Amino acid sequence: MKGRALVDREWYLPKPWTRDPDRCRTARIHDARSFATKPELARAMVLRALGSALPIAWVTPDAAYGQERGLRRILEEAGVGHVLAVSTSQQVKSVWGVGASAMF
């Protein structure tokens, strides 16, 4: 079977929200919820997916996550194909295992 699906989600809460317990309570946000950056949320979702029984071949997050080296490292170490936009100043691992400029 081939296809794609949304398998996880995280709700990003800006710091001002997580620092305002009354606002969170009014919005019915759990008291234990703390601030996490978008890259931290993405890493958590990818790690959950990798730890599941899902057959994961590719991950294609939006351009904001290409700068997140930790996310790229997780995907590379897991052998999961990924498409991420990176800046031209970053080094990326090529399919041949040799460091290459981000400009192809």
Protein backbone atom coordinates (compact mmCIF):
# COMPACT_ATOMS: atom_id res chain seq x y z
CA MET A 1 0.00 0.00 0.00
CA LYS A 2 1.35 3.44 -0.89
CA GLY A 3 0.26 6.86 0.19
CA ARG A 4 0.80 9.60 2.68
CA ALA A 5 -1.00 10.66 5.79
CA LEU A 6 -0.85 13.08 8.66
CA VAL A 7 0.22 10.85 11.54
CA ASP A 8 0.89 13.33 14.35
CA ARG A 9 0.44 16.93 15.35
CA GLU A 10 1.65 19.31 18.02
CA TRP A 11 0.13 22.60 19.01
CA TYR A 12 2.73 25.37 19.17
CA LEU A 13 2.14 27.73 22.06
CA PRO A 14 4.12 30.98 22.14
CA LYS A 15 6.03 31.80 25.34
CA PRO A 16 3.56 34.52 26.41
CA TRP A 17 0.81 31.89 26.48
CA THR A 18 2.80 29.33 28.47
CA ARG A 19 3.74 32.04 30.98
CA ASP A 20 0.09 32.99 31.55
CA PRO A 21 -1.68 30.23 33.52
CA ASP A 22 -5.03 32.06 33.50
CA ARG A 23 -4.98 32.36 29.72
CA CYS A 24 -4.09 28.69 29.36
CA ARG A 25 -6.82 27.65 31.79
CA THR A 26 -9.38 29.73 29.85
CA ALA A 27 -8.25 28.06 26.61
CA ARG A 28 -8.36 24.63 28.36
CA ILE A 29 -4.66 24.03 27.86
CA HIS A 30 -3.32 21.42 30.27
CA ASP A 31 -1.36 22.86 33.21
CA ALA A 32 1.61 20.59 32.46
CA ARG A 33 2.05 22.08 28.98
CA SER A 34 5.26 24.10 28.76
CA PHE A 35 6.94 26.11 26.04
CA ALA A 36 8.68 24.15 23.28
CA THR A 37 10.21 25.53 20.11
CA LYS A 38 8.83 24.39 16.77
CA PRO A 39 11.98 22.33 16.06
CA GLU A 40 11.63 20.63 19.48
CA LEU A 41 8.03 19.74 18.64
CA ALA A 42 9.08 18.42 15.22
CA ARG A 43 11.80 16.22 16.75
CA ALA A 44 9.30 14.81 19.26
CA MET A 45 6.84 13.95 16.48
CA VAL A 46 9.51 12.34 14.30
CA LEU A 47 10.83 10.28 17.22
CA ARG A 48 7.30 9.09 18.05
CA ALA A 49 6.73 8.11 14.43
CA LEU A 50 10.06 6.29 14.21
CA GLY A 51 9.21 4.42 17.39
CA SER A 52 5.89 3.28 15.96
CA ALA A 53 5.05 0.45 13.58
CA LEU A 54 4.45 2.88 10.71
CA PRO A 55 6.43 2.15 7.53
CA ILE A 56 8.18 5.53 7.19
CA ALA A 57 10.10 6.12 3.97
CA TRP A 58 10.11 9.93 3.72
CA VAL A 59 9.65 13.00 5.90
CA THR A 60 8.98 16.36 4.26
CA PRO A 61 8.41 19.13 6.80
CA ASP A 62 8.07 22.74 5.69
CA ALA A 63 11.07 24.99 5.06
CA ALA A 64 11.30 26.24 8.66
CA TYR A 65 12.80 22.94 9.80
CA GLY A 66 15.68 22.67 7.35
CA GLN A 67 17.90 24.73 9.63
CA GLU A 68 17.37 22.26 12.47
CA ARG A 69 20.49 20.09 12.42
CA GLY A 70 19.17 17.83 15.19
CA LEU A 71 16.11 16.90 13.14
CA ARG A 72 18.25 16.19 10.07
CA ARG A 73 20.62 14.06 12.15
CA ILE A 74 17.73 11.98 13.54
CA LEU A 75 16.42 11.35 10.02
CA GLU A 76 19.88 10.53 8.64
CA GLU A 77 20.69 8.12 11.48
CA ALA A 78 17.31 6.39 11.02
CA GLY A 79 17.91 6.07 7.27
CA VAL A 80 14.71 7.98 6.52
CA GLY A 81 14.60 9.94 3.28
CA HIS A 82 13.88 13.62 3.81
CA VAL A 83 13.53 16.84 1.88
CA LEU A 84 14.46 19.94 3.87
CA ALA A 85 15.42 23.41 2.70
CA VAL A 86 18.79 24.47 4.13
CA SER A 87 20.83 27.64 3.85
CA THR A 88 23.78 27.70 1.48
CA SER A 89 26.15 28.06 4.44
CA GLN A 90 25.25 24.66 5.90
CA GLN A 91 27.00 21.40 5.15
CA VAL A 92 24.78 18.42 4.38
CA LYS A 93 25.53 14.73 4.00
CA SER A 94 25.27 13.64 0.39
CA VAL A 95 23.85 10.27 -0.64
CA TRP A 96 27.45 9.16 -1.19
CA GLY A 97 28.37 9.94 2.43
CA VAL A 98 30.67 12.83 1.55
CA GLY A 99 30.05 16.32 2.95
CA ALA A 100 28.72 18.65 0.31
CA SER A 101 27.65 22.23 0.10
CA ALA A 102 23.92 22.83 0.42
CA MET A 103 24.01 24.31 -3.09
CA PHE A 104 23.56 21.49 -5.58
